[in-house]
Protein backbone atom coordinates (compact mmCIF):
# COMPACT_ATOMS: atom_id res chain seq x y z
CA MET A 1 0.00 0.00 0.00
CA LEU A 2 2.85 2.33 0.80
CA THR A 3 4.58 1.52 -2.51
CA THR A 4 1.35 2.27 -4.42
CA ARG A 5 1.10 5.68 -2.79
CA LEU A 6 4.77 6.43 -3.62
CA ARG A 7 4.24 5.45 -7.26
CA LYS A 8 1.22 7.79 -7.51
CA ASN A 9 3.24 10.63 -6.01
CA ARG A 10 6.09 10.01 -8.46
CA ARG A 11 3.70 10.03 -11.44
CA HIS A 12 2.10 13.26 -10.25
CA HIS A 13 5.54 14.80 -9.67
CA ARG A 14 6.73 13.64 -13.12
CA ARG A 15 3.71 15.28 -14.83
CA GLY A 16 4.76 18.66 -13.44
CA ILE A 17 8.30 18.25 -14.72
CA THR A 18 6.99 17.30 -18.17
CA VAL A 19 4.91 20.49 -18.36
CA VAL A 20 7.93 22.63 -17.43
CA GLU A 21 10.18 20.85 -19.95
CA SER A 22 7.55 21.22 -22.69
CA ALA A 23 7.19 24.94 -21.98
CA LEU A 24 10.95 25.46 -22.23
CA VAL A 25 11.30 23.46 -25.45
CA MET A 26 8.23 25.11 -27.03
CA SER A 27 9.50 28.62 -26.29
CA VAL A 28 12.80 27.92 -28.06
CA PHE A 29 10.99 26.17 -30.92
CA LEU A 30 8.54 29.06 -31.40
CA LEU A 31 11.38 31.60 -31.30
CA LEU A 32 13.13 29.72 -34.12
CA LEU A 33 9.89 29.25 -36.07
CA PHE A 34 8.91 32.95 -35.91
CA GLY A 35 12.48 33.90 -36.76
CA MET A 36 12.35 31.75 -39.90
CA PHE A 37 8.98 33.22 -40.91
CA GLU A 38 10.20 36.79 -40.45
CA TYR A 39 13.45 36.18 -42.31
CA CYS A 40 11.60 34.51 -45.20
CA ARG A 41 9.10 37.39 -45.30
CA PHE A 42 11.96 39.89 -45.50
CA LEU A 43 13.65 37.92 -48.30
CA MET A 44 10.35 37.77 -50.22
CA VAL A 45 9.89 41.57 -49.97
CA LEU A 46 13.52 42.15 -50.99
CA HIS A 47 13.21 39.77 -53.95
CA VAL A 48 9.97 41.33 -55.22
CA THR A 49 11.44 44.84 -54.83
CA ASN A 50 14.56 43.88 -56.82
CA ASN A 51 12.48 42.33 -59.61
CA ALA A 52 10.11 45.31 -59.77
CA ALA A 53 13.01 47.75 -60.08
CA ARG A 54 14.63 45.59 -62.76
CA ASP A 55 11.37 45.33 -64.73
CA GLY A 56 10.83 49.09 -64.41
CA ALA A 57 14.34 49.84 -65.69
CA ARG A 58 13.85 47.56 -68.68
CA TYR A 59 10.46 49.18 -69.37
CA ALA A 60 12.09 52.63 -69.22
CA SER A 61 14.94 51.68 -71.56
CA VAL A 62 12.57 50.52 -74.32
CA ASN A 63 10.22 53.53 -73.96
CA LEU A 64 12.68 56.38 -74.44
CA ASP A 65 10.50 57.72 -77.25
CA LYS A 66 7.80 58.72 -74.75
CA PRO A 67 7.53 62.27 -73.32
CA SER A 68 9.84 63.39 -70.51
CA ASP A 69 6.99 63.25 -67.95
CA PHE A 70 6.31 59.58 -68.79
CA ASP A 71 8.29 58.57 -65.72
CA TYR A 72 5.34 59.69 -63.53
CA ASN A 73 2.42 60.31 -65.98
CA ASN A 74 0.65 57.72 -68.09
CA TYR A 75 0.87 58.31 -71.86
CA THR A 76 -1.89 57.92 -74.43
CA ASP A 77 -0.76 57.77 -78.06
CA ALA A 78 -2.66 59.01 -81.13
CA GLY A 79 -4.28 55.59 -81.59
CA GLY A 80 -5.81 55.75 -78.09
CA THR A 81 -3.49 53.18 -76.50
CA THR A 82 -2.58 54.11 -72.93
CA TYR A 83 0.82 53.17 -71.57
CA LEU A 84 1.47 53.00 -67.83
CA SER A 85 4.05 55.45 -66.56
CA ILE A 86 7.34 53.98 -65.39
CA GLN A 87 6.41 54.55 -61.74
CA ASN A 88 2.99 52.93 -62.20
CA TYR A 89 4.51 50.03 -64.14
CA THR A 90 7.09 49.44 -61.41
CA THR A 91 4.44 49.69 -58.68
CA GLU A 92 2.26 47.20 -60.55
CA ARG A 93 5.20 44.79 -60.60
CA MET A 94 5.35 44.97 -56.79
CA GLY A 95 2.18 42.86 -56.79
CA GLY A 96 0.73 44.59 -53.73
CA ILE A 97 3.72 43.74 -51.53
CA HIS A 98 4.40 47.45 -51.01
CA VAL A 99 0.96 48.07 -49.46
CA ARG A 100 1.44 46.09 -46.26
CA ASN A 101 5.16 45.45 -46.12
CA ILE A 102 6.90 48.69 -47.15
CA GLU A 103 6.22 52.00 -45.44
CA GLY A 104 6.95 55.21 -47.32
CA TYR A 105 7.10 53.36 -50.64
CA ARG A 106 8.29 55.48 -53.57
CA THR A 107 9.90 54.94 -56.92
CA ALA A 108 11.73 57.11 -59.45
CA CYS A 109 13.33 56.89 -62.87
CA PHE A 110 16.33 58.92 -64.02
CA SER A 111 19.17 59.14 -66.50
CA VAL A 112 22.37 58.00 -64.77
CA ASP A 113 25.49 60.14 -64.46
CA ALA A 114 28.34 58.11 -65.98
CA SER A 115 30.96 59.63 -63.67
CA GLY A 116 29.31 57.97 -60.67
CA LEU A 117 29.43 54.57 -62.33
CA ALA A 118 33.19 54.96 -62.84
CA LEU A 119 33.78 55.20 -59.08
CA THR A 120 34.77 52.25 -56.89
CA PRO A 121 32.26 51.15 -55.68
CA PRO A 122 29.91 52.51 -58.36
CA VAL A 123 27.45 55.22 -57.30
CA VAL A 124 24.12 55.42 -59.10
CA GLN A 125 23.19 59.09 -59.21
CA PRO A 126 21.00 61.14 -61.54
CA LYS A 127 22.48 63.42 -64.17
CA SER A 128 22.32 67.12 -63.40
CA LYS A 129 22.15 70.01 -65.83
CA THR A 130 25.25 71.46 -64.20
CA GLY A 131 27.18 68.22 -64.76
CA SER A 132 28.39 68.09 -61.16
CA ALA A 133 27.19 68.03 -57.56
CA PRO A 134 24.74 68.74 -56.07
CA TYR A 135 22.85 66.02 -57.86
CA PRO A 136 19.09 66.37 -58.19
CA ASP A 137 16.65 64.46 -56.03
CA PRO A 138 15.26 61.69 -58.26
CA TYR A 139 11.92 61.79 -56.44
CA ASN A 140 11.39 65.53 -57.03
CA ASN A 141 9.80 65.98 -60.46
CA THR A 142 10.01 69.78 -60.26
CA ASP A 143 13.77 70.00 -59.58
CA GLY A 144 15.22 72.49 -62.08
CA THR A 145 18.62 70.79 -62.24
CA ARG A 146 17.08 67.46 -63.15
CA VAL A 147 17.88 66.06 -66.61
CA PRO A 148 14.90 64.30 -68.24
CA TRP A 149 15.02 60.55 -67.80
CA ASN A 150 14.63 59.96 -71.55
CA SER A 151 17.67 62.06 -72.48
CA ALA A 152 19.91 58.99 -72.25
CA VAL A 153 21.32 58.16 -75.66
CA PHE A 154 22.43 54.73 -76.86
CA THR A 155 24.91 53.09 -74.41
CA GLU A 156 24.09 55.56 -71.61
CA LYS A 157 22.27 54.22 -68.58
CA VAL A 158 18.74 54.62 -67.23
CA ALA A 159 17.95 53.70 -63.63
CA VAL A 160 14.85 52.94 -61.62
CA VAL A 161 15.02 53.13 -57.84
CA VAL A 162 12.52 51.67 -55.37
CA ASP A 163 12.73 53.02 -51.85
CA GLY A 164 10.92 52.40 -48.57
CA THR A 165 11.13 51.04 -45.05
CA TYR A 166 10.48 47.42 -44.09
CA ARG A 167 9.00 46.92 -40.64
CA PRO A 168 9.32 43.43 -39.05
CA VAL A 169 6.24 42.02 -37.31
CA LEU A 170 8.00 40.97 -34.08
CA PRO A 171 11.28 42.93 -33.99
CA THR A 172 11.83 43.00 -30.22
CA PHE A 173 10.90 39.35 -29.82
CA LEU A 174 13.45 38.35 -32.46
CA PHE A 175 16.12 40.93 -31.49
CA MET A 176 15.83 42.67 -34.86
CA PRO A 177 15.95 46.38 -35.67
CA GLN A 178 12.59 48.19 -35.58
CA THR A 179 12.90 49.16 -39.25
CA ILE A 180 15.08 48.15 -42.19
CA ARG A 181 15.67 50.62 -45.02
CA LEU A 182 15.21 49.14 -48.52
CA THR A 183 16.67 51.03 -51.47
CA THR A 184 16.97 49.05 -54.68
CA TYR A 185 18.56 50.42 -57.85
CA ALA A 186 18.26 48.77 -61.25
CA VAL A 187 20.38 50.16 -64.08
CA THR A 188 20.00 49.23 -67.72
CA GLY A 189 21.51 50.43 -70.98
CA SER A 190 19.55 52.89 -73.08
CA GLU A 191 18.13 51.62 -76.35
CA GLY A 192 17.40 55.11 -77.70
């Protein structure tokens, strides 16, 4: 009878230890699981942003015959066909990722200053009418020193930049920064 009572006490005591062990193992497992989800989410956003910028740059390089405001305004030709602006085309290629995952999303298209590409490491900067610094803000369409994006002649470069801030879902839980700045440049040769 005494041995039966001791066995029951041991089983009851063992159940408590099992709960504590499970809680410790589950907390480490969930930390790793959420970390993998967050890292994969970040890589997905980065990948989509890179592809959208690359598609936008290619779209810009084959549409150099469009007006100089085509980088931010849609264009309708004489036949009634409407072409998306470079910014709208690039945003469409984001596939909605920018709505929930990138704060302060913006995009721009510009003709690239060749002197910046000759530096080590290369610097992608817009051409200016003065030919030197300060370089114009690619996001400011009214900047007077800005060279039109479609002024790039054959072999010169056209760039599309996508910019914004990525915010992780659980940054403090995963020991990540609160925000991660994403700036993606895609440069392609002019076909004009």
